[in-house]
PDB file of N, CA and C in Angstrom:
ATOM      1  N   MET A   1     -28.132   2.847 -13.806  1.00  0.00           N
ATOM      2  CA  MET A   1     -28.196   3.166 -12.485  1.00  0.00           C
ATOM      3  C   MET A   1     -27.406   2.148 -11.883  1.00  0.00           C
ATOM      4  N   SER A   2     -26.738   3.159 -11.419  1.00  0.00           N
ATOM      5  CA  SER A   2     -25.250   2.045 -10.642  1.00  0.00           C
ATOM      6  C   SER A   2     -25.678   1.770  -9.578  1.00  0.00           C
ATOM      7  N   PRO A   3     -25.215   0.558  -8.656  1.00  0.00           N
ATOM      8  CA  PRO A   3     -25.769   0.087  -7.347  1.00  0.00           C
ATOM      9  C   PRO A   3     -25.314   1.321  -6.060  1.00  0.00           C
ATOM     10  N   THR A   4     -26.185   1.272  -5.227  1.00  0.00           N
ATOM     11  CA  THR A   4     -24.819   2.425  -4.126  1.00  0.00           C
ATOM     12  C   THR A   4     -24.673   1.681  -3.215  1.00  0.00           C
ATOM     13  N   ARG A   5     -23.103   2.206  -3.045  1.00  0.00           N
ATOM     14  CA  ARG A   5     -22.313   1.677  -1.985  1.00  0.00           C
ATOM     15  C   ARG A   5     -22.747   1.830  -0.557  1.00  0.00           C
ATOM     16  N   PRO A   6     -22.840   1.324   0.381  1.00  0.00           N
ATOM     17  CA  PRO A   6     -22.779   1.904   1.539  1.00  0.00           C
ATOM     18  C   PRO A   6     -21.597   3.438   2.202  1.00  0.00           C
ATOM     19  N   ALA A   7     -21.512   3.723   2.437  1.00  0.00           N
ATOM     20  CA  ALA A   7     -20.797   4.779   3.053  1.00  0.00           C
ATOM     21  C   ALA A   7     -20.030   4.100   3.951  1.00  0.00           C
ATOM     22  N   HIS A   8     -18.305   4.382   3.921  1.00  0.00           N
ATOM     23  CA  HIS A   8     -17.425   4.100   5.075  1.00  0.00           C
ATOM     24  C   HIS A   8     -17.298   4.730   6.172  1.00  0.00           C
ATOM     25  N   SER A   9     -17.067   4.775   7.128  1.00  0.00           N
ATOM     26  CA  SER A   9     -16.848   5.981   7.959  1.00  0.00           C
ATOM     27  C   SER A   9     -15.471   6.883   7.995  1.00  0.00           C
ATOM     28  N   ALA A  10     -15.010   7.356   8.354  1.00  0.00           N
ATOM     29  CA  ALA A  10     -13.899   8.107   8.744  1.00  0.00           C
ATOM     30  C   ALA A  10     -12.990   6.459   9.750  1.00  0.00           C
ATOM     31  N   ALA A  11     -14.083   6.481  10.792  1.00  0.00           N
ATOM     32  CA  ALA A  11     -13.203   5.510  11.755  1.00  0.00           C
ATOM     33  C   ALA A  11     -12.856   4.003  11.023  1.00  0.00           C
ATOM     34  N   SER A  12     -14.133   3.615  10.578  1.00  0.00           N
ATOM     35  CA  SER A  12     -14.045   2.238   9.909  1.00  0.00           C
ATOM     36  C   SER A  12     -12.056   2.439   9.009  1.00  0.00           C
ATOM     37  N   ARG A  13     -11.987   3.499   8.148  1.00  0.00           N
ATOM     38  CA  ARG A  13     -10.924   3.469   7.553  1.00  0.00           C
ATOM     39  C   ARG A  13     -10.095   3.711   8.331  1.00  0.00           C
ATOM     40  N   ARG A  14      -9.853   4.357   9.239  1.00  0.00           N
ATOM     41  CA  ARG A  14      -9.106   4.513  10.413  1.00  0.00           C
ATOM     42  C   ARG A  14      -8.279   2.808  10.884  1.00  0.00           C
ATOM     43  N   GLN A  15      -9.319   2.024  11.109  1.00  0.00           N
ATOM     44  CA  GLN A  15      -9.189   0.563  11.783  1.00  0.00           C
ATOM     45  C   GLN A  15      -8.637  -0.099  10.757  1.00  0.00           C
ATOM     46  N   THR A  16      -9.037   0.052   9.392  1.00  0.00           N
ATOM     47  CA  THR A  16      -8.686  -0.984   8.496  1.00  0.00           C
ATOM     48  C   THR A  16      -7.272  -0.456   8.106  1.00  0.00           C
ATOM     49  N   ILE A  17      -6.793   0.644   8.423  1.00  0.00           N
ATOM     50  CA  ILE A  17      -5.793   1.218   8.046  1.00  0.00           C
ATOM     51  C   ILE A  17      -4.688   0.339   9.140  1.00  0.00           C
ATOM     52  N   VAL A  18      -5.077   1.007  10.133  1.00  0.00           N
ATOM     53  CA  VAL A  18      -4.162   0.503  11.730  1.00  0.00           C
ATOM     54  C   VAL A  18      -3.830  -1.475  11.345  1.00  0.00           C
ATOM     55  N   ALA A  19      -5.035  -2.011  10.786  1.00  0.00           N
ATOM     56  CA  ALA A  19      -5.013  -3.587  10.907  1.00  0.00           C
ATOM     57  C   ALA A  19      -3.782  -3.935   9.955  1.00  0.00           C
ATOM     58  N   THR A  20      -4.068  -3.415   8.788  1.00  0.00           N
ATOM     59  CA  THR A  20      -3.019  -3.606   7.585  1.00  0.00           C
ATOM     60  C   THR A  20      -1.972  -3.101   7.753  1.00  0.00           C
ATOM     61  N   THR A  21      -1.333  -2.195   8.689  1.00  0.00           N
ATOM     62  CA  THR A  21       0.124  -1.834   8.863  1.00  0.00           C
ATOM     63  C   THR A  21       0.596  -3.244  10.005  1.00  0.00           C
ATOM     64  N   ILE A  22      -0.368  -2.915  11.210  1.00  0.00           N
ATOM     65  CA  ILE A  22       0.064  -4.214  12.242  1.00  0.00           C
ATOM     66  C   ILE A  22       0.350  -5.558  11.104  1.00  0.00           C
ATOM     67  N   GLY A  23      -0.481  -5.911  10.389  1.00  0.00           N
ATOM     68  CA  GLY A  23      -0.610  -7.050   9.808  1.00  0.00           C
ATOM     69  C   GLY A  23       0.971  -7.377   8.991  1.00  0.00           C
ATOM     70  N   ASN A  24       1.080  -5.900   7.861  1.00  0.00           N
ATOM     71  CA  ASN A  24       2.233  -6.179   7.456  1.00  0.00           C
ATOM     72  C   ASN A  24       3.441  -6.187   8.056  1.00  0.00           C
ATOM     73  N   GLY A  25       3.912  -5.283   9.326  1.00  0.00           N
ATOM     74  CA  GLY A  25       4.433  -5.474  10.161  1.00  0.00           C
ATOM     75  C   GLY A  25       4.933  -7.167  10.811  1.00  0.00           C
ATOM     76  N   LEU A  26       3.554  -7.672  11.211  1.00  0.00           N
ATOM     77  CA  LEU A  26       3.711  -8.672  11.623  1.00  0.00           C
ATOM     78  C   LEU A  26       4.550  -9.922  10.509  1.00  0.00           C
ATOM     79  N   GLU A  27       4.189  -9.731   9.509  1.00  0.00           N
ATOM     80  CA  GLU A  27       4.424 -10.505   7.770  1.00  0.00           C
ATOM     81  C   GLU A  27       6.155 -10.433   7.934  1.00  0.00           C
ATOM     82  N   PHE A  28       6.888  -9.356   8.188  1.00  0.00           N
ATOM     83  CA  PHE A  28       8.054  -8.792   7.530  1.00  0.00           C
ATOM     84  C   PHE A  28       8.511  -8.667   8.918  1.00  0.00           C
ATOM     85  N   PHE A  29       8.225  -8.897   9.890  1.00  0.00           N
ATOM     86  CA  PHE A  29       9.326  -8.942  11.052  1.00  0.00           C
ATOM     87  C   PHE A  29      10.612  -9.383  10.863  1.00  0.00           C
ATOM     88  N   ASP A  30      10.790 -10.572  10.644  1.00  0.00           N
ATOM     89  CA  ASP A  30      11.460 -12.020  10.739  1.00  0.00           C
ATOM     90  C   ASP A  30      12.661 -11.111   9.501  1.00  0.00           C
ATOM     91  N   PHE A  31      11.747 -10.658   8.619  1.00  0.00           N
ATOM     92  CA  PHE A  31      13.037 -10.158   7.684  1.00  0.00           C
ATOM     93  C   PHE A  31      13.988  -8.902   7.805  1.00  0.00           C
ATOM     94  N   THR A  32      13.004  -8.036   8.738  1.00  0.00           N
ATOM     95  CA  THR A  32      13.616  -6.719   9.316  1.00  0.00           C
ATOM     96  C   THR A  32      14.717  -7.209  10.372  1.00  0.00           C
ATOM     97  N   VAL A  33      13.796  -7.641  11.302  1.00  0.00           N
ATOM     98  CA  VAL A  33      15.502  -8.459  11.808  1.00  0.00           C
ATOM     99  C   VAL A  33      16.468  -8.897  11.718  1.00  0.00           C
ATOM    100  N   TYR A  34      16.705 -10.086  10.602  1.00  0.00           N
ATOM    101  CA  TYR A  34      17.815 -10.470   9.951  1.00  0.00           C
ATOM    102  C   TYR A  34      18.429  -9.373   9.066  1.00  0.00           C
ATOM    103  N   GLY A  35      17.587  -7.907   8.495  1.00  0.00           N
ATOM    104  CA  GLY A  35      18.781  -7.447   7.972  1.00  0.00           C
ATOM    105  C   GLY A  35      18.945  -6.488   8.923  1.00  0.00           C
ATOM    106  N   PHE A  36      18.759  -6.338  10.147  1.00  0.00           N
ATOM    107  CA  PHE A  36      19.475  -5.759  10.744  1.00  0.00           C
ATOM    108  C   PHE A  36      20.844  -6.323  11.280  1.00  0.00           C
ATOM    109  N   LEU A  37      20.811  -7.699  11.717  1.00  0.00           N
ATOM    110  CA  LEU A  37      21.749  -8.732  12.121  1.00  0.00           C
ATOM    111  C   LEU A  37      22.487  -9.101  11.198  1.00  0.00           C
ATOM    112  N   ALA A  38      22.824  -8.509   9.856  1.00  0.00           N
ATOM    113  CA  ALA A  38      23.243  -9.615   8.716  1.00  0.00           C
ATOM    114  C   ALA A  38      24.727  -9.459   8.993  1.00  0.00           C
ATOM    115  N   LEU A  39      25.450  -8.580   9.525  1.00  0.00           N
ATOM    116  CA  LEU A  39      26.844  -8.496   9.460  1.00  0.00           C
ATOM    117  C   LEU A  39      26.858  -9.884  11.052  1.00  0.00           C
ATOM    118  N   VAL A  40      26.409  -9.889  11.558  1.00  0.00           N
ATOM    119  CA  VAL A  40      26.145 -10.900  12.924  1.00  0.00           C
ATOM    120  C   VAL A  40      26.202 -12.604  12.582  1.00  0.00           C
ATOM    121  N   ILE A  41      25.265 -12.677  11.713  1.00  0.00           N
ATOM    122  CA  ILE A  41      24.949 -13.703  11.051  1.00  0.00           C
ATOM    123  C   ILE A  41      25.972 -13.888  10.112  1.00  0.00           C
ATOM    124  N   GLY A  42      26.232 -13.052   9.311  1.00  0.00           N
ATOM    125  CA  GLY A  42      27.207 -13.521   8.584  1.00  0.00           C
ATOM    126  C   GLY A  42      29.113 -14.092   9.103  1.00  0.00           C
ATOM    127  N   LYS A  43      29.137 -12.989  10.170  1.00  0.00           N
ATOM    128  CA  LYS A  43      30.253 -13.885  11.339  1.00  0.00           C
ATOM    129  C   LYS A  43      29.984 -15.452  11.824  1.00  0.00           C
ATOM    130  N   LEU A  44      28.828 -15.555  12.132  1.00  0.00           N
ATOM    131  CA  LEU A  44      28.386 -16.674  12.852  1.00  0.00           C
ATOM    132  C   LEU A  44      28.132 -17.765  11.711  1.00  0.00           C
ATOM    133  N   PHE A  45      27.763 -17.623  10.613  1.00  0.00           N
ATOM    134  CA  PHE A  45      27.245 -19.141   9.762  1.00  0.00           C
ATOM    135  C   PHE A  45      28.591 -19.340   8.625  1.00  0.00           C
ATOM    136  N   PHE A  46      29.197 -17.917   8.430  1.00  0.00           N
ATOM    137  CA  PHE A  46      30.315 -17.821   7.291  1.00  0.00           C
ATOM    138  C   PHE A  46      31.166 -17.676   7.810  1.00  0.00           C
ATOM    139  N   PRO A  47      32.133 -18.399   8.813  1.00  0.00           N
ATOM    140  CA  PRO A  47      33.676 -17.461   9.227  1.00  0.00           C
ATOM    141  C   PRO A  47      34.447 -17.673   8.603  1.00  0.00           C
ATOM    142  N   THR A  48      34.394 -18.818   7.469  1.00  0.00           N
ATOM    143  CA  THR A  48      35.701 -18.896   6.449  1.00  0.00           C
ATOM    144  C   THR A  48      35.477 -17.894   5.612  1.00  0.00           C
ATOM    145  N   PHE A  49      35.253 -16.799   5.422  1.00  0.00           N
ATOM    146  CA  PHE A  49      34.599 -16.037   4.303  1.00  0.00           C
ATOM    147  C   PHE A  49      35.116 -14.660   4.888  1.00  0.00           C
ATOM    148  N   SER A  50      35.908 -14.051   3.697  1.00  0.00           N
ATOM    149  CA  SER A  50      35.707 -12.817   4.318  1.00  0.00           C
ATOM    150  C   SER A  50      34.516 -11.534   4.293  1.00  0.00           C
ATOM    151  N   GLY A  51      35.227 -10.497   4.669  1.00  0.00           N
ATOM    152  CA  GLY A  51      33.600  -9.715   5.678  1.00  0.00           C
ATOM    153  C   GLY A  51      33.146  -9.356   4.597  1.00  0.00           C
ATOM    154  N   TYR A  52      33.065  -9.019   3.801  1.00  0.00           N
ATOM    155  CA  TYR A  52      32.402  -8.840   1.929  1.00  0.00           C
ATOM    156  C   TYR A  52      31.767  -9.873   1.897  1.00  0.00           C
ATOM    157  N   GLY A  53      32.303 -11.224   1.826  1.00  0.00           N
ATOM    158  CA  GLY A  53      31.877 -12.552   1.464  1.00  0.00           C
ATOM    159  C   GLY A  53      30.529 -12.914   2.256  1.00  0.00           C
ATOM    160  N   GLN A  54      31.338 -12.932   3.976  1.00  0.00           N
ATOM    161  CA  GLN A  54      29.723 -13.067   5.209  1.00  0.00           C
ATOM    162  C   GLN A  54      28.799 -12.242   5.054  1.00  0.00           C
ATOM    163  N   LEU A  55      29.167 -10.836   4.250  1.00  0.00           N
ATOM    164  CA  LEU A  55      27.721 -10.122   4.277  1.00  0.00           C
ATOM    165  C   LEU A  55      26.887 -10.657   2.603  1.00  0.00           C
ATOM    166  N   LEU A  56      27.990 -10.588   1.644  1.00  0.00           N
ATOM    167  CA  LEU A  56      27.167 -11.190   0.583  1.00  0.00           C
ATOM    168  C   LEU A  56      26.305 -12.203   0.385  1.00  0.00           C
ATOM    169  N   LEU A  57      26.995 -13.412   1.361  1.00  0.00           N
ATOM    170  CA  LEU A  57      26.167 -14.936   1.256  1.00  0.00           C
ATOM    171  C   LEU A  57      25.197 -14.515   2.279  1.00  0.00           C
ATOM    172  N   THR A  58      24.981 -14.102   3.142  1.00  0.00           N
ATOM    173  CA  THR A  58      23.744 -13.213   4.430  1.00  0.00           C
ATOM    174  C   THR A  58      23.062 -12.808   3.762  1.00  0.00           C
ATOM    175  N   VAL A  59      23.769 -11.668   2.352  1.00  0.00           N
ATOM    176  CA  VAL A  59      22.243 -11.111   1.869  1.00  0.00           C
ATOM    177  C   VAL A  59      21.341 -12.079   0.522  1.00  0.00           C
ATOM    178  N   ALA A  60      22.418 -12.780   0.534  1.00  0.00           N
ATOM    179  CA  ALA A  60      21.612 -13.811  -1.111  1.00  0.00           C
ATOM    180  C   ALA A  60      20.463 -14.899  -0.203  1.00  0.00           C
ATOM    181  N   THR A  61      21.477 -15.386   1.198  1.00  0.00           N
ATOM    182  CA  THR A  61      20.477 -16.177   2.112  1.00  0.00           C
ATOM    183  C   THR A  61      19.078 -15.510   2.192  1.00  0.00           C
ATOM    184  N   PHE A  62      19.154 -14.242   2.565  1.00  0.00           N
ATOM    185  CA  PHE A  62      17.847 -12.803   2.768  1.00  0.00           C
ATOM    186  C   PHE A  62      17.333 -12.963   1.318  1.00  0.00           C
ATOM    187  N   GLY A  63      17.786 -12.616   0.377  1.00  0.00           N
ATOM    188  CA  GLY A  63      17.114 -12.557  -0.812  1.00  0.00           C
ATOM    189  C   GLY A  63      16.455 -13.776  -1.344  1.00  0.00           C
ATOM    190  N   VAL A  64      16.979 -14.922  -1.205  1.00  0.00           N
ATOM    191  CA  VAL A  64      16.403 -16.441  -1.482  1.00  0.00           C
ATOM    192  C   VAL A  64      15.104 -16.524  -0.478  1.00  0.00           C
ATOM    193  N   GLY A  65      15.240 -16.322   0.432  1.00  0.00           N
ATOM    194  CA  GLY A  65      13.778 -16.519   1.448  1.00  0.00           C
ATOM    195  C   GLY A  65      13.017 -15.390   0.703  1.00  0.00           C
ATOM    196  N   PHE A  66      13.499 -14.340   0.117  1.00  0.00           N
ATOM    197  CA  PHE A  66      12.211 -13.173  -0.048  1.00  0.00           C
ATOM    198  C   PHE A  66      11.820 -12.900  -1.544  1.00  0.00           C
ATOM    199  N   ILE A  67      12.666 -13.977  -1.859  1.00  0.00           N
ATOM    200  CA  ILE A  67      11.654 -14.882  -3.288  1.00  0.00           C
ATOM    201  C   ILE A  67      10.798 -15.949  -3.147  1.00  0.00           C
ATOM    202  N   MET A  68      11.511 -17.168  -2.234  1.00  0.00           N
ATOM    203  CA  MET A  68      10.889 -18.352  -2.238  1.00  0.00           C
ATOM    204  C   MET A  68       9.027 -18.107  -1.212  1.00  0.00           C
ATOM    205  N   ARG A  69       9.308 -16.789  -0.710  1.00  0.00           N
ATOM    206  CA  ARG A  69       7.989 -17.414   0.426  1.00  0.00           C
ATOM    207  C   ARG A  69       6.933 -16.586  -0.442  1.00  0.00           C
ATOM    208  N   PRO A  70       6.376 -15.995  -1.724  1.00  0.00           N
ATOM    209  CA  PRO A  70       5.592 -15.812  -2.848  1.00  0.00           C
ATOM    210  C   PRO A  70       5.185 -17.206  -3.436  1.00  0.00           C
ATOM    211  N   LEU A  71       6.839 -17.576  -3.943  1.00  0.00           N
ATOM    212  CA  LEU A  71       6.509 -18.903  -4.613  1.00  0.00           C
ATOM    213  C   LEU A  71       5.953 -20.045  -4.002  1.00  0.00           C
ATOM    214  N   GLY A  72       6.359 -20.306  -2.647  1.00  0.00           N
ATOM    215  CA  GLY A  72       6.280 -21.595  -1.233  1.00  0.00           C
ATOM    216  C   GLY A  72       4.239 -20.940  -1.499  1.00  0.00           C
ATOM    217  N   GLY A  73       3.794 -19.803  -1.313  1.00  0.00           N
ATOM    218  CA  GLY A  73       2.693 -20.109  -1.383  1.00  0.00           C
ATOM    219  C   GLY A  73       1.337 -19.724  -2.460  1.00  0.00           C
ATOM    220  N   ILE A  74       2.479 -19.533  -3.563  1.00  0.00           N
ATOM    221  CA  ILE A  74       1.477 -19.939  -4.874  1.00  0.00           C
ATOM    222  C   ILE A  74       1.432 -21.823  -4.979  1.00  0.00           C
ATOM    223  N   VAL A  75       2.599 -22.173  -4.542  1.00  0.00           N
ATOM    224  CA  VAL A  75       2.789 -23.829  -4.881  1.00  0.00           C
ATOM    225  C   VAL A  75       1.873 -24.244  -3.313  1.00  0.00           C
ATOM    226  N   ILE A  76       1.703 -24.070  -2.066  1.00  0.00           N
ATOM    227  CA  ILE A  76       0.898 -24.783  -1.647  1.00  0.00           C
ATOM    228  C   ILE A  76      -0.527 -24.010  -1.768  1.00  0.00           C
ATOM    229  N   GLY A  77      -0.874 -22.933  -2.313  1.00  0.00           N
ATOM    230  CA  GLY A  77      -2.015 -22.666  -2.082  1.00  0.00           C
ATOM    231  C   GLY A  77      -2.750 -23.519  -3.562  1.00  0.00           C
ATOM    232  N   ALA A  78      -2.295 -23.626  -4.551  1.00  0.00           N
ATOM    233  CA  ALA A  78      -2.866 -24.417  -5.642  1.00  0.00           C
ATOM    234  C   ALA A  78      -3.150 -25.691  -5.124  1.00  0.00           C
ATOM    235  N   TYR A  79      -1.785 -26.856  -4.150  1.00  0.00           N
ATOM    236  CA  TYR A  79      -2.269 -27.968  -3.426  1.00  0.00           C
ATOM    237  C   TYR A  79      -3.411 -27.831  -3.012  1.00  0.00           C
ATOM    238  N   ALA A  80      -3.877 -26.858  -2.406  1.00  0.00           N
ATOM    239  CA  ALA A  80      -4.550 -26.397  -0.787  1.00  0.00           C
ATOM    240  C   ALA A  80      -6.171 -26.260  -1.936  1.00  0.00           C
ATOM    241  N   ASP A  81      -6.072 -26.009  -3.000  1.00  0.00           N
ATOM    242  CA  ASP A  81      -7.153 -25.493  -3.776  1.00  0.00           C
ATOM    243  C   ASP A  81      -7.666 -27.193  -4.220  1.00  0.00           C
ATOM    244  N   ARG A  82      -6.749 -27.624  -4.443  1.00  0.00           N
ATOM    245  CA  ARG A  82      -6.877 -29.207  -4.778  1.00  0.00           C
ATOM    246  C   ARG A  82      -7.505 -30.191  -3.799  1.00  0.00           C
ATOM    247  N   ALA A  83      -6.632 -29.959  -2.789  1.00  0.00           N
ATOM    248  CA  ALA A  83      -6.409 -31.133  -1.655  1.00  0.00           C
ATOM    249  C   ALA A  83      -7.179 -31.009  -0.464  1.00  0.00           C
ATOM    250  N   GLY A  84      -7.234 -29.579  -0.208  1.00  0.00           N
ATOM    251  CA  GLY A  84      -8.153 -28.958   1.021  1.00  0.00           C
ATOM    252  C   GLY A  84      -7.456 -28.385   2.118  1.00  0.00           C
ATOM    253  N   ARG A  85      -8.224 -27.724   2.370  1.00  0.00           N
ATOM    254  CA  ARG A  85      -6.813 -26.226   3.341  1.00  0.00           C
ATOM    255  C   ARG A  85      -6.462 -27.353   4.789  1.00  0.00           C
ATOM    256  N   LYS A  86      -7.409 -28.313   5.019  1.00  0.00           N
ATOM    257  CA  LYS A  86      -6.646 -29.094   6.273  1.00  0.00           C
ATOM    258  C   LYS A  86      -5.567 -29.897   5.660  1.00  0.00           C
ATOM    259  N   LYS A  87      -4.946 -30.278   4.510  1.00  0.00           N
ATOM    260  CA  LYS A  87      -4.614 -31.700   3.899  1.00  0.00           C
ATOM    261  C   LYS A  87      -3.184 -30.223   3.538  1.00  0.00           C
ATOM    262  N   ALA A  88      -3.161 -28.914   3.491  1.00  0.00           N
ATOM    263  CA  ALA A  88      -2.222 -28.582   3.224  1.00  0.00           C
ATOM    264  C   ALA A  88      -1.313 -28.025   4.134  1.00  0.00           C
TER     265      ALA A  88
END
């Protein structure tokens, strides 16, 4: 026999979906703002490059941040597993 699971109500599922959506929205807010302001950021941080160069460097910086976030989580997570949460 398989163990029985408690039934989840529709309200509980809705609450989980809303909480997950809000959490993801907050998680990617900075990337969203950065993406919308890419042209402005390019002009301010890379003024010596052409318009395409500014945008390319801005998107490259965005990509580095996007890749490094999970990698940093893995490194800090491994350190926290060894040394403890407070030291990490």
